[in-house]
All heavy atoms as atom14 arrays in JSON, in Angstrom:
{
  "sequence": "ADGGFVMLGKTFKGLTDATLDWQTDQLRERAVAD",
  "atom14_mask": [
    [1, 1, 1, 1, 1, 0, 0, 0, 0, 0, 0, 0, 0, 0],
    [1, 1, 1, 1, 1, 1, 1, 1, 0, 0, 0, 0, 0, 0],
    [1, 1, 1, 1, 0, 0, 0, 0, 0, 0, 0, 0, 0, 0],
    [1, 1, 1, 1, 0, 0, 0, 0, 0, 0, 0, 0, 0, 0],
    [1, 1, 1, 1, 1, 1, 1, 1, 1, 1, 1, 0, 0, 0],
    [1, 1, 1, 1, 1, 1, 1, 0, 0, 0, 0, 0, 0, 0],
    [1, 1, 1, 1, 1, 1, 1, 1, 0, 0, 0, 0, 0, 0],
    [1, 1, 1, 1, 1, 1, 1, 1, 0, 0, 0, 0, 0, 0],
    [1, 1, 1, 1, 0, 0, 0, 0, 0, 0, 0, 0, 0, 0],
    [1, 1, 1, 1, 1, 1, 1, 1, 1, 0, 0, 0, 0, 0],
    [1, 1, 1, 1, 1, 1, 1, 0, 0, 0, 0, 0, 0, 0],
    [1, 1, 1, 1, 1, 1, 1, 1, 1, 1, 1, 0, 0, 0],
    [1, 1, 1, 1, 1, 1, 1, 1, 1, 0, 0, 0, 0, 0],
    [1, 1, 1, 1, 0, 0, 0, 0, 0, 0, 0, 0, 0, 0],
    [1, 1, 1, 1, 1, 1, 1, 1, 0, 0, 0, 0, 0, 0],
    [1, 1, 1, 1, 1, 1, 1, 0, 0, 0, 0, 0, 0, 0],
    [1, 1, 1, 1, 1, 1, 1, 1, 0, 0, 0, 0, 0, 0],
    [1, 1, 1, 1, 1, 0, 0, 0, 0, 0, 0, 0, 0, 0],
    [1, 1, 1, 1, 1, 1, 1, 0, 0, 0, 0, 0, 0, 0],
    [1, 1, 1, 1, 1, 1, 1, 1, 0, 0, 0, 0, 0, 0],
    [1, 1, 1, 1, 1, 1, 1, 1, 0, 0, 0, 0, 0, 0],
    [1, 1, 1, 1, 1, 1, 1, 1, 1, 1, 1, 1, 1, 1],
    [1, 1, 1, 1, 1, 1, 1, 1, 1, 0, 0, 0, 0, 0],
    [1, 1, 1, 1, 1, 1, 1, 0, 0, 0, 0, 0, 0, 0],
    [1, 1, 1, 1, 1, 1, 1, 1, 0, 0, 0, 0, 0, 0],
    [1, 1, 1, 1, 1, 1, 1, 1, 1, 0, 0, 0, 0, 0],
    [1, 1, 1, 1, 1, 1, 1, 1, 0, 0, 0, 0, 0, 0],
    [1, 1, 1, 1, 1, 1, 1, 1, 1, 1, 1, 0, 0, 0],
    [1, 1, 1, 1, 1, 1, 1, 1, 1, 0, 0, 0, 0, 0],
    [1, 1, 1, 1, 1, 1, 1, 1, 1, 1, 1, 0, 0, 0],
    [1, 1, 1, 1, 1, 0, 0, 0, 0, 0, 0, 0, 0, 0],
    [1, 1, 1, 1, 1, 1, 1, 0, 0, 0, 0, 0, 0, 0],
    [1, 1, 1, 1, 1, 0, 0, 0, 0, 0, 0, 0, 0, 0],
    [1, 1, 1, 1, 1, 1, 1, 1, 0, 0, 0, 0, 0, 0]
  ],
  "atom14_positions": [
    [[123.65, 50.89, 74.89], [123.44, 49.58, 75.51], [124.5, 48.61, 75.19], [124.77, 47.69, 76.0], [122.06, 49.06, 75.04], [0.0, 0.0, 0.0], [0.0, 0.0, 0.0], [0.0, 0.0, 0.0], [0.0, 0.0, 0.0], [0.0, 0.0, 0.0], [0.0, 0.0, 0.0], [0.0, 0.0, 0.0], [0.0, 0.0, 0.0], [0.0, 0.0, 0.0]],
    [[125.21, 48.73, 74.04], [126.19, 47.75, 73.62], [127.58, 48.09, 74.25], [128.59, 47.42, 73.88], [126.3, 47.66, 72.11], [126.72, 49.02, 71.5], [126.98, 49.95, 72.23], [126.74, 49.1, 70.28], [0.0, 0.0, 0.0], [0.0, 0.0, 0.0], [0.0, 0.0, 0.0], [0.0, 0.0, 0.0], [0.0, 0.0, 0.0], [0.0, 0.0, 0.0]],
    [[127.64, 49.06, 75.12], [128.87, 49.41, 75.75], [129.67, 50.53, 75.03], [130.68, 50.96, 75.52], [0.0, 0.0, 0.0], [0.0, 0.0, 0.0], [0.0, 0.0, 0.0], [0.0, 0.0, 0.0], [0.0, 0.0, 0.0], [0.0, 0.0, 0.0], [0.0, 0.0, 0.0], [0.0, 0.0, 0.0], [0.0, 0.0, 0.0], [0.0, 0.0, 0.0]],
    [[129.18, 50.89, 73.83], [129.8, 52.01, 73.14], [129.21, 53.35, 73.52], [128.58, 53.47, 74.58], [0.0, 0.0, 0.0], [0.0, 0.0, 0.0], [0.0, 0.0, 0.0], [0.0, 0.0, 0.0], [0.0, 0.0, 0.0], [0.0, 0.0, 0.0], [0.0, 0.0, 0.0], [0.0, 0.0, 0.0], [0.0, 0.0, 0.0], [0.0, 0.0, 0.0]],
    [[129.36, 54.37, 72.65], [128.92, 55.68, 72.94], [128.27, 56.28, 71.69], [128.71, 56.01, 70.59], [130.1, 56.59, 73.41], [130.68, 56.1, 74.74], [131.72, 55.17, 74.71], [130.17, 56.48, 75.94], [132.32, 54.73, 75.87], [130.68, 56.04, 77.1], [131.78, 55.14, 77.12], [0.0, 0.0, 0.0], [0.0, 0.0, 0.0], [0.0, 0.0, 0.0]],
    [[127.23, 57.1, 71.96], [126.47, 57.73, 70.9], [126.7, 59.17, 70.96], [126.43, 59.85, 71.91], [124.96, 57.41, 71.04], [124.2, 58.08, 69.92], [124.72, 55.92, 71.03], [0.0, 0.0, 0.0], [0.0, 0.0, 0.0], [0.0, 0.0, 0.0], [0.0, 0.0, 0.0], [0.0, 0.0, 0.0], [0.0, 0.0, 0.0], [0.0, 0.0, 0.0]],
    [[127.31, 59.74, 69.89], [127.61, 61.21, 69.86], [126.3, 62.05, 69.83], [125.4, 61.76, 69.03], [128.48, 61.53, 68.67], [129.02, 62.96, 68.75], [130.24, 63.22, 67.45], [130.48, 65.02, 67.59], [0.0, 0.0, 0.0], [0.0, 0.0, 0.0], [0.0, 0.0, 0.0], [0.0, 0.0, 0.0], [0.0, 0.0, 0.0], [0.0, 0.0, 0.0]],
    [[126.29, 63.1, 70.66], [125.11, 63.97, 70.75], [125.4, 65.37, 70.34], [124.42, 66.2, 70.23], [124.62, 63.99, 72.2], [123.98, 62.69, 72.72], [123.78, 62.84, 74.26], [122.7, 62.4, 72.03], [0.0, 0.0, 0.0], [0.0, 0.0, 0.0], [0.0, 0.0, 0.0], [0.0, 0.0, 0.0], [0.0, 0.0, 0.0], [0.0, 0.0, 0.0]],
    [[126.64, 65.72, 70.05], [126.89, 67.08, 69.64], [128.29, 67.55, 70.1], [129.12, 66.73, 70.57], [0.0, 0.0, 0.0], [0.0, 0.0, 0.0], [0.0, 0.0, 0.0], [0.0, 0.0, 0.0], [0.0, 0.0, 0.0], [0.0, 0.0, 0.0], [0.0, 0.0, 0.0], [0.0, 0.0, 0.0], [0.0, 0.0, 0.0], [0.0, 0.0, 0.0]],
    [[128.49, 68.84, 69.9], [129.79, 69.43, 70.26], [129.6, 70.73, 71.08], [128.54, 71.32, 70.94], [130.61, 69.81, 69.02], [130.74, 68.71, 67.99], [131.48, 69.27, 66.77], [131.56, 68.29, 65.62], [132.28, 68.81, 64.41], [0.0, 0.0, 0.0], [0.0, 0.0, 0.0], [0.0, 0.0, 0.0], [0.0, 0.0, 0.0], [0.0, 0.0, 0.0]],
    [[130.61, 71.11, 71.83], [130.54, 72.44, 72.47], [131.98, 72.84, 72.87], [132.8, 72.07, 73.21], [129.65, 72.45, 73.72], [129.47, 73.78, 74.21], [130.27, 71.59, 74.88], [0.0, 0.0, 0.0], [0.0, 0.0, 0.0], [0.0, 0.0, 0.0], [0.0, 0.0, 0.0], [0.0, 0.0, 0.0], [0.0, 0.0, 0.0], [0.0, 0.0, 0.0]],
    [[132.15, 74.22, 72.8], [133.34, 74.83, 73.36], [132.93, 75.88, 74.4], [133.77, 76.63, 74.87], [134.22, 75.46, 72.28], [133.49, 76.44, 71.4], [133.18, 77.69, 71.83], [133.1, 76.0, 70.12], [132.47, 78.59, 70.99], [132.43, 76.89, 69.31], [132.1, 78.15, 69.72], [0.0, 0.0, 0.0], [0.0, 0.0, 0.0], [0.0, 0.0, 0.0]],
    [[131.62, 75.92, 74.68], [131.09, 76.99, 75.62], [131.37, 76.56, 77.03], [131.43, 75.43, 77.43], [129.6, 77.07, 75.45], [129.11, 77.42, 74.04], [129.48, 78.8, 73.62], [128.85, 79.13, 72.29], [129.23, 80.52, 71.81], [0.0, 0.0, 0.0], [0.0, 0.0, 0.0], [0.0, 0.0, 0.0], [0.0, 0.0, 0.0], [0.0, 0.0, 0.0]],
    [[131.65, 77.62, 77.86], [131.8, 77.45, 79.31], [133.21, 77.03, 79.72], [133.44, 76.8, 80.92], [0.0, 0.0, 0.0], [0.0, 0.0, 0.0], [0.0, 0.0, 0.0], [0.0, 0.0, 0.0], [0.0, 0.0, 0.0], [0.0, 0.0, 0.0], [0.0, 0.0, 0.0], [0.0, 0.0, 0.0], [0.0, 0.0, 0.0], [0.0, 0.0, 0.0]],
    [[134.17, 77.05, 78.8], [135.49, 76.62, 79.13], [136.35, 77.8, 79.5], [136.61, 78.72, 78.71], [136.13, 75.94, 77.94], [135.47, 74.57, 77.53], [135.99, 74.08, 76.15], [135.77, 73.5, 78.59], [0.0, 0.0, 0.0], [0.0, 0.0, 0.0], [0.0, 0.0, 0.0], [0.0, 0.0, 0.0], [0.0, 0.0, 0.0], [0.0, 0.0, 0.0]],
    [[136.88, 77.82, 80.74], [137.84, 78.87, 81.16], [139.19, 78.51, 80.62], [139.47, 77.38, 80.16], [137.88, 78.96, 82.7], [138.43, 77.7, 83.2], [136.48, 79.16, 83.31], [0.0, 0.0, 0.0], [0.0, 0.0, 0.0], [0.0, 0.0, 0.0], [0.0, 0.0, 0.0], [0.0, 0.0, 0.0], [0.0, 0.0, 0.0], [0.0, 0.0, 0.0]],
    [[140.11, 79.46, 80.7], [141.48, 79.2, 80.24], [142.11, 78.06, 81.07], [142.81, 77.2, 80.48], [142.34, 80.47, 80.4], [142.0, 81.5, 79.31], [141.42, 81.1, 78.31], [142.39, 82.68, 79.49], [0.0, 0.0, 0.0], [0.0, 0.0, 0.0], [0.0, 0.0, 0.0], [0.0, 0.0, 0.0], [0.0, 0.0, 0.0], [0.0, 0.0, 0.0]],
    [[141.82, 78.05, 82.33], [142.4, 76.99, 83.18], [141.85, 75.6, 82.77], [142.59, 74.63, 82.72], [142.08, 77.24, 84.67], [0.0, 0.0, 0.0], [0.0, 0.0, 0.0], [0.0, 0.0, 0.0], [0.0, 0.0, 0.0], [0.0, 0.0, 0.0], [0.0, 0.0, 0.0], [0.0, 0.0, 0.0], [0.0, 0.0, 0.0], [0.0, 0.0, 0.0]],
    [[140.54, 75.55, 82.43], [139.96, 74.28, 82.01], [140.52, 73.88, 80.7], [140.77, 72.68, 80.45], [138.4, 74.42, 81.97], [137.92, 74.84, 83.25], [137.76, 73.06, 81.57], [0.0, 0.0, 0.0], [0.0, 0.0, 0.0], [0.0, 0.0, 0.0], [0.0, 0.0, 0.0], [0.0, 0.0, 0.0], [0.0, 0.0, 0.0], [0.0, 0.0, 0.0]],
    [[140.68, 74.83, 79.81], [141.25, 74.54, 78.45], [142.65, 73.88, 78.62], [142.95, 72.88, 77.95], [141.33, 75.76, 77.62], [140.03, 76.24, 76.93], [140.24, 77.63, 76.41], [139.68, 75.3, 75.78], [0.0, 0.0, 0.0], [0.0, 0.0, 0.0], [0.0, 0.0, 0.0], [0.0, 0.0, 0.0], [0.0, 0.0, 0.0], [0.0, 0.0, 0.0]],
    [[143.47, 74.47, 79.5], [144.83, 73.93, 79.63], [144.73, 72.51, 80.27], [145.46, 71.64, 79.81], [145.58, 74.87, 80.61], [145.98, 76.17, 79.96], [145.98, 76.22, 78.69], [146.23, 77.19, 80.67], [0.0, 0.0, 0.0], [0.0, 0.0, 0.0], [0.0, 0.0, 0.0], [0.0, 0.0, 0.0], [0.0, 0.0, 0.0], [0.0, 0.0, 0.0]],
    [[143.88, 72.33, 81.26], [143.76, 71.07, 81.93], [143.24, 69.97, 80.93], [143.81, 68.89, 80.87], [142.82, 71.18, 83.15], [142.67, 69.87, 83.88], [143.44, 69.4, 84.9], [141.63, 68.89, 83.67], [143.0, 68.17, 85.33], [141.89, 67.82, 84.61], [140.57, 68.78, 82.79], [141.08, 66.68, 84.63], [139.77, 67.66, 82.84], [140.02, 66.62, 83.76]],
    [[142.2, 70.29, 80.19], [141.61, 69.3, 79.3], [142.54, 68.97, 78.17], [142.57, 67.83, 77.65], [140.24, 69.73, 78.85], [140.21, 70.71, 77.7], [138.75, 70.99, 77.27], [137.8, 70.79, 77.98], [138.62, 71.53, 76.05], [0.0, 0.0, 0.0], [0.0, 0.0, 0.0], [0.0, 0.0, 0.0], [0.0, 0.0, 0.0], [0.0, 0.0, 0.0]],
    [[143.31, 69.95, 77.69], [144.31, 69.66, 76.65], [145.3, 68.63, 77.12], [145.61, 67.64, 76.39], [145.04, 70.95, 76.18], [144.03, 71.87, 75.7], [146.05, 70.67, 75.1], [0.0, 0.0, 0.0], [0.0, 0.0, 0.0], [0.0, 0.0, 0.0], [0.0, 0.0, 0.0], [0.0, 0.0, 0.0], [0.0, 0.0, 0.0], [0.0, 0.0, 0.0]],
    [[145.85, 68.79, 78.32], [146.77, 67.83, 78.86], [146.13, 66.47, 79.0], [146.72, 65.4, 78.61], [147.3, 68.3, 80.17], [148.24, 69.53, 80.06], [148.73, 69.74, 78.99], [148.39, 70.22, 81.11], [0.0, 0.0, 0.0], [0.0, 0.0, 0.0], [0.0, 0.0, 0.0], [0.0, 0.0, 0.0], [0.0, 0.0, 0.0], [0.0, 0.0, 0.0]],
    [[144.92, 66.43, 79.56], [144.25, 65.19, 79.85], [143.86, 64.46, 78.52], [144.03, 63.24, 78.39], [143.01, 65.45, 80.67], [143.26, 65.98, 82.08], [143.89, 64.92, 82.91], [143.56, 63.75, 82.88], [144.86, 65.34, 83.75], [0.0, 0.0, 0.0], [0.0, 0.0, 0.0], [0.0, 0.0, 0.0], [0.0, 0.0, 0.0], [0.0, 0.0, 0.0]],
    [[143.38, 65.21, 77.56], [142.97, 64.57, 76.33], [144.18, 64.11, 75.5], [144.1, 63.07, 74.81], [142.1, 65.56, 75.5], [140.75, 65.86, 76.15], [140.01, 66.98, 75.37], [139.88, 64.62, 76.24], [0.0, 0.0, 0.0], [0.0, 0.0, 0.0], [0.0, 0.0, 0.0], [0.0, 0.0, 0.0], [0.0, 0.0, 0.0], [0.0, 0.0, 0.0]],
    [[145.26, 64.86, 75.49], [146.44, 64.43, 74.76], [146.97, 63.06, 75.35], [147.45, 62.25, 74.58], [147.53, 65.49, 74.8], [147.12, 66.71, 73.99], [148.24, 67.78, 73.99], [149.36, 67.3, 73.17], [150.45, 68.05, 72.97], [150.52, 69.27, 73.5], [151.46, 67.59, 72.22], [0.0, 0.0, 0.0], [0.0, 0.0, 0.0], [0.0, 0.0, 0.0]],
    [[146.87, 62.92, 76.65], [147.28, 61.64, 77.23], [146.43, 60.48, 76.79], [146.87, 59.36, 76.77], [147.22, 61.77, 78.77], [148.23, 62.67, 79.4], [148.1, 62.76, 80.9], [147.26, 61.97, 81.47], [148.82, 63.57, 81.56], [0.0, 0.0, 0.0], [0.0, 0.0, 0.0], [0.0, 0.0, 0.0], [0.0, 0.0, 0.0], [0.0, 0.0, 0.0]],
    [[145.2, 60.78, 76.39], [144.27, 59.75, 75.99], [144.08, 59.66, 74.5], [143.22, 58.93, 73.99], [142.88, 59.99, 76.63], [142.91, 59.86, 78.18], [141.7, 60.46, 78.82], [141.62, 60.13, 80.21], [142.26, 60.81, 81.18], [143.05, 61.83, 80.84], [142.15, 60.46, 82.45], [0.0, 0.0, 0.0], [0.0, 0.0, 0.0], [0.0, 0.0, 0.0]],
    [[144.86, 60.43, 73.71], [144.7, 60.5, 72.26], [145.0, 59.16, 71.59], [145.96, 58.5, 71.96], [145.58, 61.56, 71.69], [0.0, 0.0, 0.0], [0.0, 0.0, 0.0], [0.0, 0.0, 0.0], [0.0, 0.0, 0.0], [0.0, 0.0, 0.0], [0.0, 0.0, 0.0], [0.0, 0.0, 0.0], [0.0, 0.0, 0.0], [0.0, 0.0, 0.0]],
    [[144.15, 58.77, 70.64], [144.38, 57.61, 69.83], [144.59, 57.93, 68.34], [145.06, 57.07, 67.54], [143.24, 56.59, 69.97], [143.19, 56.07, 71.45], [141.9, 57.17, 69.59], [0.0, 0.0, 0.0], [0.0, 0.0, 0.0], [0.0, 0.0, 0.0], [0.0, 0.0, 0.0], [0.0, 0.0, 0.0], [0.0, 0.0, 0.0], [0.0, 0.0, 0.0]],
    [[144.19, 59.17, 67.96], [144.37, 59.6, 66.59], [144.33, 61.13, 66.54], [143.65, 61.76, 67.33], [143.27, 59.01, 65.67], [0.0, 0.0, 0.0], [0.0, 0.0, 0.0], [0.0, 0.0, 0.0], [0.0, 0.0, 0.0], [0.0, 0.0, 0.0], [0.0, 0.0, 0.0], [0.0, 0.0, 0.0], [0.0, 0.0, 0.0], [0.0, 0.0, 0.0]],
    [[145.06, 61.72, 65.57], [145.09, 63.17, 65.42], [145.31, 63.47, 63.95], [146.41, 63.21, 63.43], [146.23, 63.8, 66.24], [146.26, 65.27, 66.2], [145.53, 65.87, 65.39], [147.07, 65.89, 66.98], [0.0, 0.0, 0.0], [0.0, 0.0, 0.0], [0.0, 0.0, 0.0], [0.0, 0.0, 0.0], [0.0, 0.0, 0.0], [0.0, 0.0, 0.0]]
  ]
}
């Protein structure tokens, strides 16, 4: 409600190789810490 986000869990299930490559590029562009 305050505009933030509430973590609900993690998953690596259901990810194809193509999706893994795409999400890696997309998430690295949005990275704020590593």
